[in-house]
């Protein structure tokens, strides 16, 4: 194995440990009790905590983003593990019924809430100046007071989607590969006659 690659991997590991230590010590900022829409009706940020004092909100751009879909597909397998440590909710601008249909089509297990482009995402965006950017925010609560503890942005090559690291092993990145909603390719000849096929 290339010694330079091994040394760099070790450095990335050590920097990630340092990053997580800094996050643990970061000072939380109080935030309002924002409102969301769910299939069960209106819900507040405080209600999204459920019985936990920590809440991870995944900011998803909605069904129109293949990249956000890739990230959520990857997180989906971690849902039970994450929910053993904190509450977990995926939020997007899409209305609740559309969120649920898309989530069901993907096999997602997330709890869902819609911010609908409202004040929440305008004020709590993970990317300053962007009102619908992908990422995640960790909130904590003390009684009825909510604090924003940490946040991160999602993007190709980040720490949060293992696909990019695995593609990197093949010498591939965003320039060589783009996520799709599905990977079925129509055969040249369909044995069933080929009528009414939706690509």
C-alpha atoms as a PDB file:
ATOM      1  CA  UNK A   1       0.000   0.000   0.000  1.00  0.00           C
ATOM      2  CA  UNK A   2       1.209   3.535  -0.775  1.00  0.00           C
ATOM      3  CA  UNK A   3       2.830   4.958   2.397  1.00  0.00           C
ATOM      4  CA  UNK A   4       1.747   8.499   1.513  1.00  0.00           C
ATOM      5  CA  UNK A   5      -1.894   7.352   1.263  1.00  0.00           C
ATOM      6  CA  UNK A   6      -1.634   5.542   4.617  1.00  0.00           C
ATOM      7  CA  UNK A   7      -0.125   8.610   6.298  1.00  0.00           C
ATOM      8  CA  UNK A   8      -2.833  10.876   4.893  1.00  0.00           C
ATOM      9  CA  UNK A   9      -5.584   8.483   5.990  1.00  0.00           C
ATOM     10  CA  UNK A  10      -4.121   8.520   9.511  1.00  0.00           C
ATOM     11  CA  UNK A  11      -4.018  12.319   9.464  1.00  0.00           C
ATOM     12  CA  UNK A  12      -7.674  12.497   8.352  1.00  0.00           C
ATOM     13  CA  UNK A  13      -8.619  10.108  11.171  1.00  0.00           C
ATOM     14  CA  UNK A  14      -6.783  12.230  13.745  1.00  0.00           C
ATOM     15  CA  UNK A  15      -8.297  15.463  12.408  1.00  0.00           C
ATOM     16  CA  UNK A  16     -11.775  13.899  12.576  1.00  0.00           C
ATOM     17  CA  UNK A  17     -11.163  13.010  16.233  1.00  0.00           C
ATOM     18  CA  UNK A  18     -10.088  16.612  16.883  1.00  0.00           C
ATOM     19  CA  UNK A  19     -13.178  17.922  15.037  1.00  0.00           C
ATOM     20  CA  UNK A  20     -15.497  15.772  17.159  1.00  0.00           C
ATOM     21  CA  UNK A  21     -13.777  16.927  20.368  1.00  0.00           C
ATOM     22  CA  UNK A  22     -14.312  20.566  19.331  1.00  0.00           C
ATOM     23  CA  UNK A  23     -17.958  19.847  18.551  1.00  0.00           C
ATOM     24  CA  UNK A  24     -18.430  18.310  21.989  1.00  0.00           C
ATOM     25  CA  UNK A  25     -17.187  21.534  23.578  1.00  0.00           C
ATOM     26  CA  UNK A  26     -18.974  23.956  21.225  1.00  0.00           C
ATOM     27  CA  UNK A  27     -21.289  26.493  22.844  1.00  0.00           C
ATOM     28  CA  UNK A  28     -24.982  25.963  22.054  1.00  0.00           C
ATOM     29  CA  UNK A  29     -27.150  28.834  20.784  1.00  0.00           C
ATOM     30  CA  UNK A  30     -30.774  29.224  21.853  1.00  0.00           C
ATOM     31  CA  UNK A  31     -33.313  29.014  19.016  1.00  0.00           C
ATOM     32  CA  UNK A  32     -37.107  29.517  18.778  1.00  0.00           C
ATOM     33  CA  UNK A  33     -39.629  26.698  18.831  1.00  0.00           C
ATOM     34  CA  UNK A  34     -40.223  26.567  15.057  1.00  0.00           C
ATOM     35  CA  UNK A  35     -43.312  25.014  13.432  1.00  0.00           C
ATOM     36  CA  UNK A  36     -43.457  22.185  10.895  1.00  0.00           C
ATOM     37  CA  UNK A  37     -46.155  20.274   9.039  1.00  0.00           C
ATOM     38  CA  UNK A  38     -46.462  16.504   9.284  1.00  0.00           C
ATOM     39  CA  UNK A  39     -49.044  14.001   8.089  1.00  0.00           C
ATOM     40  CA  UNK A  40     -50.477  14.148  11.598  1.00  0.00           C
ATOM     41  CA  UNK A  41     -50.803  17.950  11.469  1.00  0.00           C
ATOM     42  CA  UNK A  42     -48.711  20.821  12.794  1.00  0.00           C
ATOM     43  CA  UNK A  43     -45.747  19.987  14.998  1.00  0.00           C
ATOM     44  CA  UNK A  44     -43.231  22.173  16.797  1.00  0.00           C
ATOM     45  CA  UNK A  45     -39.481  21.709  17.004  1.00  0.00           C
ATOM     46  CA  UNK A  46     -39.903  20.885  20.677  1.00  0.00           C
ATOM     47  CA  UNK A  47     -42.404  18.138  19.844  1.00  0.00           C
ATOM     48  CA  UNK A  48     -39.966  16.607  17.330  1.00  0.00           C
ATOM     49  CA  UNK A  49     -37.650  15.785  20.252  1.00  0.00           C
ATOM     50  CA  UNK A  50     -40.157  13.201  21.483  1.00  0.00           C
ATOM     51  CA  UNK A  51     -38.771  11.736  24.701  1.00  0.00           C
ATOM     52  CA  UNK A  52     -35.137  12.656  23.991  1.00  0.00           C
ATOM     53  CA  UNK A  53     -33.007  15.658  24.875  1.00  0.00           C
ATOM     54  CA  UNK A  54     -31.105  15.473  21.573  1.00  0.00           C
ATOM     55  CA  UNK A  55     -32.609  15.840  18.092  1.00  0.00           C
ATOM     56  CA  UNK A  56     -30.828  15.354  14.774  1.00  0.00           C
ATOM     57  CA  UNK A  57     -32.627  17.129  11.932  1.00  0.00           C
ATOM     58  CA  UNK A  58     -31.479  16.087   8.475  1.00  0.00           C
ATOM     59  CA  UNK A  59     -31.947  18.946   6.004  1.00  0.00           C
ATOM     60  CA  UNK A  60     -32.986  17.337   2.730  1.00  0.00           C
ATOM     61  CA  UNK A  61     -33.693  19.415  -0.387  1.00  0.00           C
ATOM     62  CA  UNK A  62     -36.655  17.185  -1.252  1.00  0.00           C
ATOM     63  CA  UNK A  63     -37.561  14.636  -3.871  1.00  0.00           C
ATOM     64  CA  UNK A  64     -36.151  16.806  -6.666  1.00  0.00           C
ATOM     65  CA  UNK A  65     -32.523  16.320  -5.574  1.00  0.00           C
ATOM     66  CA  UNK A  66     -30.680  13.117  -6.525  1.00  0.00           C
ATOM     67  CA  UNK A  67     -27.785  13.975  -4.213  1.00  0.00           C
ATOM     68  CA  UNK A  68     -30.020  14.457  -1.160  1.00  0.00           C
ATOM     69  CA  UNK A  69     -31.683  11.168  -2.040  1.00  0.00           C
ATOM     70  CA  UNK A  70     -28.263   9.455  -2.062  1.00  0.00           C
ATOM     71  CA  UNK A  71     -27.429  10.798   1.412  1.00  0.00           C
ATOM     72  CA  UNK A  72     -30.813   9.766   2.837  1.00  0.00           C
ATOM     73  CA  UNK A  73     -30.537   6.307   1.241  1.00  0.00           C
ATOM     74  CA  UNK A  74     -27.231   5.897   3.073  1.00  0.00           C
ATOM     75  CA  UNK A  75     -28.509   7.173   6.430  1.00  0.00           C
ATOM     76  CA  UNK A  76     -31.581   4.948   6.246  1.00  0.00           C
ATOM     77  CA  UNK A  77     -29.633   1.896   7.425  1.00  0.00           C
ATOM     78  CA  UNK A  78     -28.465   3.817  10.496  1.00  0.00           C
ATOM     79  CA  UNK A  79     -31.964   4.871  11.637  1.00  0.00           C
ATOM     80  CA  UNK A  80     -32.337   2.321  14.463  1.00  0.00           C
ATOM     81  CA  UNK A  81     -28.767   2.970  15.633  1.00  0.00           C
ATOM     82  CA  UNK A  82     -29.218   6.745  15.640  1.00  0.00           C
ATOM     83  CA  UNK A  83     -32.617   6.520  17.322  1.00  0.00           C
ATOM     84  CA  UNK A  84     -30.998   4.592  20.179  1.00  0.00           C
ATOM     85  CA  UNK A  85     -29.021   7.785  20.937  1.00  0.00           C
ATOM     86  CA  UNK A  86     -31.315  10.665  19.909  1.00  0.00           C
ATOM     87  CA  UNK A  87     -34.468  11.592  18.021  1.00  0.00           C
ATOM     88  CA  UNK A  88     -34.075  11.710  14.237  1.00  0.00           C
ATOM     89  CA  UNK A  89     -36.251  13.577  11.737  1.00  0.00           C
ATOM     90  CA  UNK A  90     -35.738  14.281   8.035  1.00  0.00           C
ATOM     91  CA  UNK A  91     -37.101  17.674   6.983  1.00  0.00           C
ATOM     92  CA  UNK A  92     -37.604  19.108   3.497  1.00  0.00           C
ATOM     93  CA  UNK A  93     -39.685  21.727   1.698  1.00  0.00           C
ATOM     94  CA  UNK A  94     -41.963  19.065   0.166  1.00  0.00           C
ATOM     95  CA  UNK A  95     -45.491  18.786   1.597  1.00  0.00           C
ATOM     96  CA  UNK A  96     -46.037  15.906   4.052  1.00  0.00           C
ATOM     97  CA  UNK A  97     -47.987  13.615   1.700  1.00  0.00           C
ATOM     98  CA  UNK A  98     -45.336  13.934  -1.007  1.00  0.00           C
ATOM     99  CA  UNK A  99     -42.591  13.353   1.569  1.00  0.00           C
ATOM    100  CA  UNK A 100     -44.250  10.149   2.747  1.00  0.00           C
ATOM    101  CA  UNK A 101     -44.859   8.826  -0.776  1.00  0.00           C
ATOM    102  CA  UNK A 102     -41.256   9.425  -1.783  1.00  0.00           C
ATOM    103  CA  UNK A 103     -39.946   7.964   1.499  1.00  0.00           C
ATOM    104  CA  UNK A 104     -42.084   4.853   1.031  1.00  0.00           C
ATOM    105  CA  UNK A 105     -40.833   4.460  -2.553  1.00  0.00           C
ATOM    106  CA  UNK A 106     -37.241   4.579  -1.245  1.00  0.00           C
ATOM    107  CA  UNK A 107     -37.903   2.338   1.772  1.00  0.00           C
ATOM    108  CA  UNK A 108     -36.911   5.113   4.195  1.00  0.00           C
ATOM    109  CA  UNK A 109     -37.697   4.635   7.894  1.00  0.00           C
ATOM    110  CA  UNK A 110     -37.276   8.293   8.894  1.00  0.00           C
ATOM    111  CA  UNK A 111     -39.791  10.348  10.775  1.00  0.00           C
ATOM    112  CA  UNK A 112     -40.625  13.235   8.426  1.00  0.00           C
ATOM    113  CA  UNK A 113     -41.576  16.888   8.760  1.00  0.00           C
ATOM    114  CA  UNK A 114     -41.999  19.684   6.218  1.00  0.00           C
ATOM    115  CA  UNK A 115     -40.656  23.182   6.742  1.00  0.00           C
ATOM    116  CA  UNK A 116     -42.254  24.255   3.444  1.00  0.00           C
ATOM    117  CA  UNK A 117     -39.530  26.872   2.907  1.00  0.00           C
ATOM    118  CA  UNK A 118     -40.679  28.763   6.017  1.00  0.00           C
ATOM    119  CA  UNK A 119     -38.777  30.677   8.703  1.00  0.00           C
ATOM    120  CA  UNK A 120     -37.143  27.532  10.064  1.00  0.00           C
ATOM    121  CA  UNK A 121     -35.016  26.812   7.005  1.00  0.00           C
ATOM    122  CA  UNK A 122     -34.388  30.490   6.344  1.00  0.00           C
ATOM    123  CA  UNK A 123     -32.914  30.947   9.822  1.00  0.00           C
ATOM    124  CA  UNK A 124     -31.494  27.475  10.504  1.00  0.00           C
ATOM    125  CA  UNK A 125     -29.922  26.719   7.126  1.00  0.00           C
ATOM    126  CA  UNK A 126     -26.564  24.929   7.305  1.00  0.00           C
ATOM    127  CA  UNK A 127     -25.181  27.136   4.508  1.00  0.00           C
ATOM    128  CA  UNK A 128     -25.387  30.891   5.123  1.00  0.00           C
ATOM    129  CA  UNK A 129     -27.217  32.632   2.294  1.00  0.00           C
ATOM    130  CA  UNK A 130     -28.831  29.406   1.051  1.00  0.00           C
ATOM    131  CA  UNK A 131     -32.459  28.662   1.952  1.00  0.00           C
ATOM    132  CA  UNK A 132     -32.583  25.005   0.882  1.00  0.00           C
ATOM    133  CA  UNK A 133     -29.124  23.559   1.462  1.00  0.00           C
ATOM    134  CA  UNK A 134     -28.468  19.936   2.463  1.00  0.00           C
ATOM    135  CA  UNK A 135     -26.917  19.075   5.804  1.00  0.00           C
ATOM    136  CA  UNK A 136     -27.815  18.295   9.392  1.00  0.00           C
ATOM    137  CA  UNK A 137     -28.333  20.173  12.655  1.00  0.00           C
ATOM    138  CA  UNK A 138     -28.054  18.746  16.152  1.00  0.00           C
ATOM    139  CA  UNK A 139     -30.387  20.392  18.672  1.00  0.00           C
ATOM    140  CA  UNK A 140     -30.476  19.931  22.438  1.00  0.00           C
ATOM    141  CA  UNK A 141     -33.174  20.895  24.877  1.00  0.00           C
ATOM    142  CA  UNK A 142     -33.270  21.806  28.523  1.00  0.00           C
ATOM    143  CA  UNK A 143     -36.886  21.817  29.638  1.00  0.00           C
ATOM    144  CA  UNK A 144     -38.720  23.922  27.051  1.00  0.00           C
ATOM    145  CA  UNK A 145     -35.590  25.752  25.875  1.00  0.00           C
ATOM    146  CA  UNK A 146     -34.027  24.605  22.576  1.00  0.00           C
ATOM    147  CA  UNK A 147     -30.387  25.041  21.614  1.00  0.00           C
ATOM    148  CA  UNK A 148     -28.580  24.549  18.324  1.00  0.00           C
ATOM    149  CA  UNK A 149     -25.410  22.645  19.243  1.00  0.00           C
ATOM    150  CA  UNK A 150     -23.709  21.719  15.932  1.00  0.00           C
ATOM    151  CA  UNK A 151     -24.359  21.571  12.204  1.00  0.00           C
ATOM    152  CA  UNK A 152     -22.740  20.324   9.018  1.00  0.00           C
ATOM    153  CA  UNK A 153     -23.157  20.695   5.265  1.00  0.00           C
ATOM    154  CA  UNK A 154     -23.534  17.757   2.895  1.00  0.00           C
ATOM    155  CA  UNK A 155     -21.708  17.661  -0.417  1.00  0.00           C
ATOM    156  CA  UNK A 156     -19.654  15.319  -2.613  1.00  0.00           C
ATOM    157  CA  UNK A 157     -16.566  14.092  -0.763  1.00  0.00           C
ATOM    158  CA  UNK A 158     -17.869  14.912   2.735  1.00  0.00           C
ATOM    159  CA  UNK A 159     -17.648  12.727   5.848  1.00  0.00           C
ATOM    160  CA  UNK A 160     -21.354  11.835   5.795  1.00  0.00           C
ATOM    161  CA  UNK A 161     -21.811   9.790   2.616  1.00  0.00           C
ATOM    162  CA  UNK A 162     -19.661   6.670   2.375  1.00  0.00           C
ATOM    163  CA  UNK A 163     -20.292   6.450  -1.384  1.00  0.00           C
ATOM    164  CA  UNK A 164     -17.639   9.091  -2.091  1.00  0.00           C
ATOM    165  CA  UNK A 165     -14.924   7.302  -0.130  1.00  0.00           C
ATOM    166  CA  UNK A 166     -15.709   4.032  -1.870  1.00  0.00           C
ATOM    167  CA  UNK A 167     -15.719   5.725  -5.273  1.00  0.00           C
ATOM    168  CA  UNK A 168     -12.386   7.294  -4.322  1.00  0.00           C
ATOM    169  CA  UNK A 169     -10.882   3.810  -4.003  1.00  0.00           C
ATOM    170  CA  UNK A 170     -11.647   3.443  -7.709  1.00  0.00           C
ATOM    171  CA  UNK A 171     -10.164   6.853  -8.503  1.00  0.00           C
ATOM    172  CA  UNK A 172     -13.623   8.282  -9.169  1.00  0.00           C
ATOM    173  CA  UNK A 173     -15.390  11.378  -7.894  1.00  0.00           C
ATOM    174  CA  UNK A 174     -18.173  13.803  -8.736  1.00  0.00           C
ATOM    175  CA  UNK A 175     -16.762  14.379 -12.237  1.00  0.00           C
ATOM    176  CA  UNK A 176     -17.072  10.679 -13.144  1.00  0.00           C
ATOM    177  CA  UNK A 177     -20.296   9.721 -11.337  1.00  0.00           C
ATOM    178  CA  UNK A 178     -23.676  11.274 -10.593  1.00  0.00           C
ATOM    179  CA  UNK A 179     -26.315   9.593  -8.407  1.00  0.00           C
ATOM    180  CA  UNK A 180     -29.564   8.517 -10.047  1.00  0.00           C
ATOM    181  CA  UNK A 181     -32.965   7.606  -8.639  1.00  0.00           C
ATOM    182  CA  UNK A 182     -32.611   4.119 -10.102  1.00  0.00           C
ATOM    183  CA  UNK A 183     -30.143   2.269 -12.304  1.00  0.00           C
ATOM    184  CA  UNK A 184     -32.329   0.086 -14.480  1.00  0.00           C
ATOM    185  CA  UNK A 185     -31.343   0.133 -18.141  1.00  0.00           C
ATOM    186  CA  UNK A 186     -33.911  -0.856 -20.732  1.00  0.00           C
ATOM    187  CA  UNK A 187     -32.817  -3.999 -22.590  1.00  0.00           C
ATOM    188  CA  UNK A 188     -32.783  -3.772 -26.388  1.00  0.00           C
ATOM    189  CA  UNK A 189     -35.586  -6.338 -26.484  1.00  0.00           C
ATOM    190  CA  UNK A 190     -38.245  -6.803 -23.811  1.00  0.00           C
ATOM    191  CA  UNK A 191     -39.707 -10.315 -23.701  1.00  0.00           C
ATOM    192  CA  UNK A 192     -43.092  -8.952 -22.592  1.00  0.00           C
ATOM    193  CA  UNK A 193     -43.505  -6.847 -25.740  1.00  0.00           C
ATOM    194  CA  UNK A 194     -42.259  -3.576 -24.219  1.00  0.00           C
ATOM    195  CA  UNK A 195     -45.569  -1.699 -23.932  1.00  0.00           C
ATOM    196  CA  UNK A 196     -46.116   1.035 -21.322  1.00  0.00           C
ATOM    197  CA  UNK A 197     -42.622   0.948 -19.804  1.00  0.00           C
ATOM    198  CA  UNK A 198     -41.828   3.879 -17.502  1.00  0.00           C
ATOM    199  CA  UNK A 199     -38.105   4.674 -17.522  1.00  0.00           C
END
